[in-house]
Amino acid sequence: MPSELEAFYCFSKFIEESCPLYVQPTLEGVHRGLKLLDRCLKIVDPELFAHLRSKNLSAEIYAFPSVLTLCACTPPLNQVLHLWDFLLAFGVHLNVLCVIAQLLLMRDDVMKSSSPMRLLRTFPDLEALPVIGIAVTLVRDLPAELYDELVRHPYEIKA
């Protein structure tokens, strides 16, 4: 059975290789991910994007915890683990699309709300399978250049 030390080493290596910009003192990767979330949402659901903007809400305000923690801040833990299996297999960059998928699952309530930040402060319980399914479908809706930027945002240092 692996020890805690081995598990920590594996996790550290994963972070160093997959998303080193997420753990920089400036959280550069997280902030890039949030900007990309806004850009992706504007493409996949312009109406929802406009509604959130009309309430002065950007991803920096409502999605920071979810992007920072790769959705680990949204219970339950067993669903987070399913989502992380997906992110480990296909890339942590897809977390941005998973956050958008969660938004789309609560879209009707957000659109009806005069104060959507109340809803967005605490996302509903995570359901990994629908979130993954939606996130995967969103990939095809993004322009290739934007998707490429999404793939590179957790690790590529901009010149």
N, C-alpha and C. Protein backbone atom coordinates (compact mmCIF):
# COMPACT_ATOMS: atom_id res chain seq x y z
N MET A 1 0.85 -1.19 0.00
CA MET A 1 0.00 0.00 0.00
C MET A 1 0.89 1.25 0.00
N PRO A 2 0.58 2.21 -0.86
CA PRO A 2 1.40 3.42 -0.92
C PRO A 2 1.30 4.23 0.37
N SER A 3 2.39 4.87 0.71
CA SER A 3 2.40 5.69 1.92
C SER A 3 1.93 7.11 1.60
N GLU A 4 1.69 7.87 2.66
CA GLU A 4 1.31 9.28 2.47
C GLU A 4 2.43 10.04 1.77
N LEU A 5 3.66 9.67 2.08
CA LEU A 5 4.81 10.32 1.46
C LEU A 5 4.81 10.11 -0.05
N GLU A 6 4.53 8.88 -0.47
CA GLU A 6 4.46 8.59 -1.90
C GLU A 6 3.29 9.32 -2.56
N ALA A 7 2.18 9.36 -1.88
CA ALA A 7 1.01 10.07 -2.42
C ALA A 7 1.32 11.56 -2.57
N PHE A 8 1.98 12.13 -1.56
CA PHE A 8 2.33 13.55 -1.63
C PHE A 8 3.31 13.81 -2.77
N TYR A 9 4.27 12.91 -2.95
CA TYR A 9 5.23 13.06 -4.05
C TYR A 9 4.49 13.05 -5.39
N CYS A 10 3.59 12.10 -5.56
CA CYS A 10 2.83 12.01 -6.82
C CYS A 10 2.00 13.27 -7.06
N PHE A 11 1.34 13.75 -6.01
CA PHE A 11 0.53 14.96 -6.16
C PHE A 11 1.42 16.16 -6.49
N SER A 12 2.54 16.28 -5.80
CA SER A 12 3.47 17.39 -6.07
C SER A 12 3.97 17.34 -7.50
N LYS A 13 4.33 16.15 -7.97
CA LYS A 13 4.81 15.99 -9.34
C LYS A 13 3.71 16.37 -10.34
N PHE A 14 2.50 15.94 -10.05
CA PHE A 14 1.35 16.28 -10.90
C PHE A 14 1.19 17.80 -11.01
N ILE A 15 1.23 18.48 -9.88
CA ILE A 15 1.08 19.94 -9.88
C ILE A 15 2.23 20.60 -10.64
N GLU A 16 3.45 20.17 -10.37
CA GLU A 16 4.63 20.75 -11.03
C GLU A 16 4.58 20.58 -12.54
N GLU A 17 4.09 19.44 -13.00
CA GLU A 17 4.07 19.14 -14.43
C GLU A 17 2.82 19.67 -15.14
N SER A 18 1.67 19.55 -14.49
CA SER A 18 0.41 19.85 -15.16
C SER A 18 -0.06 21.29 -15.02
N CYS A 19 0.15 21.86 -13.86
CA CYS A 19 -0.36 23.23 -13.65
C CYS A 19 0.53 24.05 -12.73
N PRO A 20 1.81 24.19 -13.08
CA PRO A 20 2.71 24.93 -12.20
C PRO A 20 2.32 26.40 -12.01
N LEU A 21 1.66 26.99 -13.00
CA LEU A 21 1.28 28.40 -12.87
C LEU A 21 0.12 28.60 -11.89
N TYR A 22 -0.54 27.50 -11.50
CA TYR A 22 -1.62 27.60 -10.52
C TYR A 22 -1.07 27.76 -9.11
N VAL A 23 0.19 27.40 -8.89
CA VAL A 23 0.75 27.45 -7.54
C VAL A 23 1.86 28.49 -7.41
N GLN A 24 1.96 29.40 -8.37
CA GLN A 24 2.89 30.52 -8.27
C GLN A 24 2.33 31.51 -7.25
N PRO A 25 3.19 32.31 -6.61
CA PRO A 25 2.69 33.29 -5.63
C PRO A 25 1.61 34.22 -6.20
N THR A 26 1.69 34.53 -7.49
CA THR A 26 0.70 35.42 -8.10
C THR A 26 -0.54 34.68 -8.60
N LEU A 27 -0.52 33.35 -8.53
CA LEU A 27 -1.62 32.52 -9.05
C LEU A 27 -1.90 32.83 -10.51
N GLU A 28 -0.84 33.05 -11.28
CA GLU A 28 -0.98 33.46 -12.68
C GLU A 28 -1.87 32.53 -13.48
N GLY A 29 -1.69 31.22 -13.30
CA GLY A 29 -2.50 30.26 -14.05
C GLY A 29 -3.98 30.35 -13.71
N VAL A 30 -4.28 30.58 -12.44
CA VAL A 30 -5.67 30.71 -12.01
C VAL A 30 -6.30 31.94 -12.66
N HIS A 31 -5.59 33.06 -12.62
CA HIS A 31 -6.13 34.30 -13.21
C HIS A 31 -6.30 34.17 -14.73
N ARG A 32 -5.35 33.49 -15.36
CA ARG A 32 -5.51 33.23 -16.80
C ARG A 32 -6.73 32.36 -17.06
N GLY A 33 -6.89 31.32 -16.23
CA GLY A 33 -8.04 30.43 -16.36
C GLY A 33 -9.36 31.17 -16.22
N LEU A 34 -9.40 32.13 -15.30
CA LEU A 34 -10.62 32.91 -15.10
C LEU A 34 -10.92 33.80 -16.30
N LYS A 35 -9.90 34.40 -16.87
CA LYS A 35 -10.10 35.21 -18.08
C LYS A 35 -10.57 34.33 -19.24
N LEU A 36 -9.98 33.14 -19.34
CA LEU A 36 -10.39 32.20 -20.39
C LEU A 36 -11.82 31.72 -20.16
N LEU A 37 -12.21 31.55 -18.91
CA LEU A 37 -13.58 31.14 -18.61
C LEU A 37 -14.56 32.18 -19.16
N ASP A 38 -14.27 33.45 -18.91
CA ASP A 38 -15.14 34.51 -19.46
C ASP A 38 -15.19 34.45 -20.98
N ARG A 39 -14.04 34.30 -21.61
CA ARG A 39 -13.99 34.26 -23.08
C ARG A 39 -14.74 33.05 -23.63
N CYS A 40 -14.57 31.90 -22.99
CA CYS A 40 -15.26 30.68 -23.45
C CYS A 40 -16.77 30.80 -23.23
N LEU A 41 -17.18 31.31 -22.06
CA LEU A 41 -18.61 31.46 -21.78
C LEU A 41 -19.26 32.41 -22.78
N LYS A 42 -18.56 33.46 -23.15
CA LYS A 42 -19.09 34.42 -24.12
C LYS A 42 -19.38 33.74 -25.46
N ILE A 43 -18.58 32.73 -25.80
CA ILE A 43 -18.78 32.00 -27.06
C ILE A 43 -19.87 30.94 -26.93
N VAL A 44 -19.84 30.15 -25.85
CA VAL A 44 -20.77 29.02 -25.76
C VAL A 44 -22.17 29.43 -25.28
N ASP A 45 -22.27 30.54 -24.53
CA ASP A 45 -23.58 31.01 -24.08
C ASP A 45 -23.55 32.53 -23.92
N PRO A 46 -23.62 33.24 -25.05
CA PRO A 46 -23.54 34.70 -24.99
C PRO A 46 -24.62 35.35 -24.12
N GLU A 47 -25.79 34.73 -24.08
CA GLU A 47 -26.89 35.30 -23.28
C GLU A 47 -26.58 35.22 -21.79
N LEU A 48 -26.09 34.08 -21.33
CA LEU A 48 -25.72 33.93 -19.92
C LEU A 48 -24.55 34.85 -19.59
N PHE A 49 -23.58 34.91 -20.47
CA PHE A 49 -22.43 35.80 -20.28
C PHE A 49 -22.90 37.24 -20.12
N ALA A 50 -23.78 37.69 -21.01
CA ALA A 50 -24.29 39.07 -20.97
C ALA A 50 -25.07 39.33 -19.68
N HIS A 51 -25.86 38.35 -19.26
CA HIS A 51 -26.64 38.51 -18.02
C HIS A 51 -25.70 38.69 -16.83
N LEU A 52 -24.67 37.85 -16.76
CA LEU A 52 -23.72 37.97 -15.65
C LEU A 52 -23.00 39.31 -15.70
N ARG A 53 -22.59 39.72 -16.89
CA ARG A 53 -21.90 41.01 -17.04
C ARG A 53 -22.82 42.18 -16.67
N SER A 54 -24.11 42.04 -16.98
CA SER A 54 -25.05 43.12 -16.64
C SER A 54 -25.17 43.29 -15.13
N LYS A 55 -24.81 42.26 -14.40
CA LYS A 55 -24.81 42.31 -12.93
C LYS A 55 -23.40 42.56 -12.39
N ASN A 56 -22.49 42.97 -13.29
CA ASN A 56 -21.08 43.23 -12.95
C ASN A 56 -20.37 42.00 -12.40
N LEU A 57 -20.73 40.84 -12.92
CA LEU A 57 -20.11 39.60 -12.48
C LEU A 57 -19.20 39.06 -13.57
N SER A 58 -17.95 38.87 -13.20
CA SER A 58 -16.99 38.20 -14.09
C SER A 58 -16.55 36.93 -13.38
N ALA A 59 -15.87 36.07 -14.11
CA ALA A 59 -15.39 34.82 -13.53
C ALA A 59 -14.48 35.08 -12.33
N GLU A 60 -13.71 36.18 -12.37
CA GLU A 60 -12.83 36.52 -11.24
C GLU A 60 -13.62 36.61 -9.94
N ILE A 61 -14.87 37.00 -10.03
CA ILE A 61 -15.69 37.19 -8.83
C ILE A 61 -16.36 35.89 -8.40
N TYR A 62 -17.00 35.19 -9.33
CA TYR A 62 -17.81 34.04 -8.93
C TYR A 62 -17.14 32.68 -9.10
N ALA A 63 -16.09 32.59 -9.89
CA ALA A 63 -15.52 31.27 -10.19
C ALA A 63 -14.12 31.05 -9.61
N PHE A 64 -13.59 32.04 -8.90
CA PHE A 64 -12.23 31.92 -8.39
C PHE A 64 -12.00 30.63 -7.59
N PRO A 65 -12.84 30.31 -6.59
CA PRO A 65 -12.59 29.09 -5.81
C PRO A 65 -12.60 27.82 -6.67
N SER A 66 -13.54 27.74 -7.61
CA SER A 66 -13.65 26.53 -8.44
C SER A 66 -12.46 26.36 -9.36
N VAL A 67 -11.97 27.45 -9.94
CA VAL A 67 -10.81 27.35 -10.82
C VAL A 67 -9.56 27.06 -9.99
N LEU A 68 -9.39 27.75 -8.88
CA LEU A 68 -8.22 27.56 -8.02
C LEU A 68 -8.08 26.13 -7.52
N THR A 69 -9.20 25.52 -7.12
CA THR A 69 -9.15 24.20 -6.49
C THR A 69 -9.47 23.05 -7.44
N LEU A 70 -9.59 23.34 -8.72
CA LEU A 70 -10.01 22.33 -9.70
C LEU A 70 -11.33 21.70 -9.26
N CYS A 71 -12.23 22.53 -8.83
CA CYS A 71 -13.59 22.17 -8.39
C CYS A 71 -13.65 21.40 -7.07
N ALA A 72 -12.54 21.30 -6.36
CA ALA A 72 -12.55 20.57 -5.09
C ALA A 72 -13.33 21.30 -4.01
N CYS A 73 -13.69 22.55 -4.24
CA CYS A 73 -14.46 23.31 -3.25
C CYS A 73 -15.96 23.02 -3.33
N THR A 74 -16.36 22.24 -4.31
CA THR A 74 -17.78 21.93 -4.49
C THR A 74 -18.03 20.48 -4.08
N PRO A 75 -18.73 20.26 -2.96
CA PRO A 75 -18.99 18.88 -2.53
C PRO A 75 -19.98 18.18 -3.46
N PRO A 76 -20.12 16.88 -3.32
CA PRO A 76 -19.47 15.97 -2.38
C PRO A 76 -18.12 15.46 -2.91
N LEU A 77 -17.30 15.02 -1.98
CA LEU A 77 -15.94 14.59 -2.31
C LEU A 77 -15.91 13.45 -3.32
N ASN A 78 -16.83 12.49 -3.21
CA ASN A 78 -16.80 11.36 -4.15
C ASN A 78 -16.99 11.83 -5.59
N GLN A 79 -17.78 12.89 -5.79
CA GLN A 79 -17.98 13.43 -7.13
C GLN A 79 -16.75 14.23 -7.59
N VAL A 80 -16.11 14.92 -6.66
CA VAL A 80 -14.86 15.63 -6.97
C VAL A 80 -13.82 14.62 -7.45
N LEU A 81 -13.75 13.47 -6.79
CA LEU A 81 -12.77 12.45 -7.18
C LEU A 81 -13.05 11.92 -8.58
N HIS A 82 -14.31 11.75 -8.94
CA HIS A 82 -14.65 11.35 -10.32
C HIS A 82 -14.21 12.42 -11.31
N LEU A 83 -14.48 13.67 -10.97
CA LEU A 83 -14.08 14.77 -11.84
C LEU A 83 -12.56 14.83 -11.97
N TRP A 84 -11.85 14.63 -10.86
CA TRP A 84 -10.39 14.66 -10.91
C TRP A 84 -9.84 13.50 -11.73
N ASP A 85 -10.48 12.34 -11.69
CA ASP A 85 -10.06 11.23 -12.57
C ASP A 85 -10.09 11.71 -14.02
N PHE A 86 -11.15 12.39 -14.39
CA PHE A 86 -11.30 12.94 -15.74
C PHE A 86 -10.20 13.97 -16.03
N LEU A 87 -9.98 14.90 -15.10
CA LEU A 87 -8.97 15.94 -15.31
C LEU A 87 -7.57 15.36 -15.38
N LEU A 88 -7.29 14.35 -14.58
CA LEU A 88 -5.98 13.69 -14.63
C LEU A 88 -5.78 12.98 -15.96
N ALA A 89 -6.84 12.41 -16.49
CA ALA A 89 -6.74 11.65 -17.74
C ALA A 89 -6.67 12.56 -18.96
N PHE A 90 -7.42 13.65 -18.96
CA PHE A 90 -7.56 14.46 -20.17
C PHE A 90 -6.97 15.86 -20.08
N GLY A 91 -6.58 16.28 -18.90
CA GLY A 91 -5.91 17.57 -18.75
C GLY A 91 -6.63 18.52 -17.82
N VAL A 92 -5.85 19.16 -16.94
CA VAL A 92 -6.44 20.08 -15.97
C VAL A 92 -7.03 21.33 -16.63
N HIS A 93 -6.61 21.61 -17.84
CA HIS A 93 -7.17 22.77 -18.55
C HIS A 93 -8.69 22.66 -18.71
N LEU A 94 -9.18 21.42 -18.74
CA LEU A 94 -10.63 21.21 -18.92
C LEU A 94 -11.44 21.63 -17.70
N ASN A 95 -10.75 21.90 -16.58
CA ASN A 95 -11.47 22.38 -15.41
C ASN A 95 -12.25 23.66 -15.71
N VAL A 96 -11.68 24.53 -16.53
CA VAL A 96 -12.37 25.77 -16.91
C VAL A 96 -13.71 25.43 -17.56
N LEU A 97 -13.71 24.44 -18.43
CA LEU A 97 -14.97 24.03 -19.08
C LEU A 97 -15.90 23.32 -18.11
N CYS A 98 -15.33 22.64 -17.12
CA CYS A 98 -16.17 22.00 -16.10
C CYS A 98 -16.91 23.05 -15.27
N VAL A 99 -16.25 24.15 -14.99
CA VAL A 99 -16.91 25.24 -14.25
C VAL A 99 -18.04 25.82 -15.11
N ILE A 100 -17.77 26.01 -16.39
CA ILE A 100 -18.83 26.49 -17.30
C ILE A 100 -19.98 25.48 -17.34
N ALA A 101 -19.66 24.20 -17.36
CA ALA A 101 -20.70 23.16 -17.36
C ALA A 101 -21.58 23.29 -16.12
N GLN A 102 -20.96 23.53 -14.97
CA GLN A 102 -21.75 23.72 -13.75
C GLN A 102 -22.66 24.94 -13.87
N LEU A 103 -22.14 26.00 -14.47
CA LEU A 103 -22.97 27.20 -14.70
C LEU A 103 -24.16 26.87 -15.60
N LEU A 104 -23.90 26.10 -16.65
CA LEU A 104 -24.97 25.75 -17.59
C LEU A 104 -26.04 24.89 -16.92
N LEU A 105 -25.63 24.04 -15.97
CA LEU A 105 -26.59 23.21 -15.26
C LEU A 105 -27.51 24.04 -14.35
N MET A 106 -27.03 25.20 -13.93
CA MET A 106 -27.86 26.07 -13.08
C MET A 106 -28.31 27.32 -13.84
N ARG A 107 -28.18 27.29 -15.14
CA ARG A 107 -28.43 28.44 -16.01
C ARG A 107 -29.81 29.07 -15.80
N ASP A 108 -30.85 28.26 -15.80
CA ASP A 108 -32.21 28.80 -15.68
C ASP A 108 -32.37 29.62 -14.40
N ASP A 109 -31.87 29.08 -13.29
CA ASP A 109 -31.97 29.80 -12.01
C ASP A 109 -31.15 31.09 -12.04
N VAL A 110 -29.96 31.02 -12.64
CA VAL A 110 -29.11 32.21 -12.72
C VAL A 110 -29.77 33.28 -13.58
N MET A 111 -30.36 32.87 -14.69
CA MET A 111 -31.00 33.83 -15.60
C MET A 111 -32.23 34.49 -14.96
N LYS A 112 -32.96 33.74 -14.14
CA LYS A 112 -34.16 34.28 -13.49
C LYS A 112 -33.82 35.19 -12.31
N SER A 113 -32.65 35.01 -11.77
CA SER A 113 -32.29 35.70 -10.53
C SER A 113 -31.91 37.16 -10.78
N SER A 114 -32.45 38.03 -9.93
CA SER A 114 -32.05 39.44 -10.00
C SER A 114 -30.71 39.64 -9.30
N SER A 115 -30.33 38.66 -8.48
CA SER A 115 -29.05 38.72 -7.78
C SER A 115 -28.35 37.36 -7.92
N PRO A 116 -27.80 37.07 -9.11
CA PRO A 116 -27.23 35.75 -9.35
C PRO A 116 -26.02 35.41 -8.46
N MET A 117 -25.37 36.42 -7.90
CA MET A 117 -24.21 36.13 -7.06
C MET A 117 -24.60 35.30 -5.85
N ARG A 118 -25.82 35.48 -5.37
CA ARG A 118 -26.29 34.65 -4.25
C ARG A 118 -26.24 33.17 -4.62
N LEU A 119 -26.65 32.87 -5.85
CA LEU A 119 -26.62 31.48 -6.31
C LEU A 119 -25.19 31.01 -6.57
N LEU A 120 -24.39 31.91 -7.12
CA LEU A 120 -23.04 31.53 -7.54
C LEU A 120 -22.05 31.47 -6.38
N ARG A 121 -22.43 32.04 -5.25
CA ARG A 121 -21.56 32.01 -4.07
C ARG A 121 -21.27 30.57 -3.66
N THR A 122 -22.28 29.73 -3.76
CA THR A 122 -22.13 28.31 -3.43
C THR A 122 -22.79 27.51 -4.54
N PHE A 123 -21.97 26.87 -5.36
CA PHE A 123 -22.52 26.05 -6.44
C PHE A 123 -23.32 24.89 -5.85
N PRO A 124 -24.32 24.40 -6.56
CA PRO A 124 -25.03 23.19 -6.11
C PRO A 124 -24.07 22.01 -6.04
N ASP A 125 -24.48 20.97 -5.35
CA ASP A 125 -23.63 19.77 -5.25
C ASP A 125 -23.18 19.33 -6.63
N LEU A 126 -21.93 18.95 -6.70
CA LEU A 126 -21.32 18.53 -7.96
C LEU A 126 -21.88 17.17 -8.39
N GLU A 127 -22.21 17.07 -9.66
CA GLU A 127 -22.57 15.80 -10.28
C GLU A 127 -21.59 15.61 -11.42
N ALA A 128 -20.57 14.78 -11.19
CA ALA A 128 -19.43 14.69 -12.11
C ALA A 128 -19.83 14.27 -13.53
N LEU A 129 -20.65 13.26 -13.68
CA LEU A 129 -20.94 12.76 -15.03
C LEU A 129 -21.59 13.80 -15.94
N PRO A 130 -22.66 14.48 -15.50
CA PRO A 130 -23.22 15.51 -16.38
C PRO A 130 -22.22 16.65 -16.65
N VAL A 131 -21.45 17.03 -15.65
CA VAL A 131 -20.46 18.10 -15.82
C VAL A 131 -19.43 17.69 -16.86
N ILE A 132 -18.93 16.47 -16.76
CA ILE A 132 -17.93 15.97 -17.72
C ILE A 132 -18.53 15.92 -19.12
N GLY A 133 -19.74 15.40 -19.22
CA GLY A 133 -20.40 15.30 -20.53
C GLY A 133 -20.56 16.65 -21.20
N ILE A 134 -20.98 17.64 -20.44
CA ILE A 134 -21.16 18.98 -21.00
C ILE A 134 -19.80 19.58 -21.35
N ALA A 135 -18.82 19.43 -20.46
CA ALA A 135 -17.48 19.99 -20.71
C ALA A 135 -16.88 19.45 -22.00
N VAL A 136 -17.02 18.16 -22.21
CA VAL A 136 -16.47 17.53 -23.43
C VAL A 136 -17.16 18.09 -24.68
N THR A 137 -18.48 18.31 -24.58
CA THR A 137 -19.19 18.84 -25.75
C THR A 137 -18.81 20.29 -26.01
N LEU A 138 -18.48 21.03 -24.98
CA LEU A 138 -18.11 22.43 -25.16
C LEU A 138 -16.83 22.59 -25.96
N VAL A 139 -15.95 21.60 -25.89
CA VAL A 139 -14.67 21.68 -26.60
C VAL A 139 -14.89 21.97 -28.08
N ARG A 140 -15.85 21.30 -28.67
CA ARG A 140 -16.08 21.46 -30.12
C ARG A 140 -16.63 22.83 -30.49
N ASP A 141 -17.18 23.54 -29.51
CA ASP A 141 -17.75 24.86 -29.79
C ASP A 141 -16.73 25.99 -29.74
N LEU A 142 -15.53 25.68 -29.28
CA LEU A 142 -14.50 26.71 -29.14
C LEU A 142 -13.64 26.81 -30.39
N PRO A 143 -13.25 28.01 -30.78
CA PRO A 143 -12.30 28.15 -31.88
C PRO A 143 -10.97 27.47 -31.50
N ALA A 144 -10.29 26.92 -32.48
CA ALA A 144 -9.05 26.16 -32.23
C ALA A 144 -8.02 26.99 -31.46
N GLU A 145 -7.88 28.27 -31.80
CA GLU A 145 -6.88 29.11 -31.13
C GLU A 145 -7.21 29.28 -29.65
N LEU A 146 -8.48 29.46 -29.35
CA LEU A 146 -8.90 29.62 -27.96
C LEU A 146 -8.69 28.33 -27.19
N TYR A 147 -9.04 27.20 -27.80
CA TYR A 147 -8.83 25.92 -27.12
C TYR A 147 -7.34 25.69 -26.87
N ASP A 148 -6.50 26.04 -27.83
CA ASP A 148 -5.06 25.89 -27.66
C ASP A 148 -4.56 26.75 -26.49
N GLU A 149 -5.07 27.95 -26.39
CA GLU A 149 -4.72 28.82 -25.26
C GLU A 149 -5.19 28.21 -23.94
N LEU A 150 -6.37 27.62 -23.96
CA LEU A 150 -6.91 26.95 -22.78
C LEU A 150 -6.00 25.80 -22.35
N VAL A 151 -5.55 25.01 -23.31
CA VAL A 151 -4.67 23.87 -23.01
C VAL A 151 -3.37 24.35 -22.36
N ARG A 152 -2.81 25.44 -22.86
CA ARG A 152 -1.50 25.90 -22.41
C ARG A 152 -1.54 26.77 -21.15
N HIS A 153 -2.69 27.29 -20.77
CA HIS A 153 -2.73 28.28 -19.69
C HIS A 153 -2.20 27.80 -18.34
N PRO A 154 -2.28 26.52 -17.98
CA PRO A 154 -1.79 26.14 -16.65
C PRO A 154 -0.27 26.04 -16.53
N TYR A 155 0.43 26.00 -17.67
CA TYR A 155 1.87 25.75 -17.58
C TYR A 155 2.76 26.63 -18.44
N GLU A 156 2.24 27.26 -19.47
CA GLU A 156 3.11 28.00 -20.39
C GLU A 156 3.31 29.43 -19.93
N ILE A 157 4.56 29.79 -19.74
CA ILE A 157 4.89 31.16 -19.35
C ILE A 157 4.87 32.02 -20.59
N LYS A 158 4.11 33.11 -20.53
CA LYS A 158 4.02 34.02 -21.68
C LYS A 158 5.27 34.88 -21.72
N ALA A 159 5.73 35.13 -22.94
CA ALA A 159 6.94 35.95 -23.10
C ALA A 159 6.65 37.42 -22.94
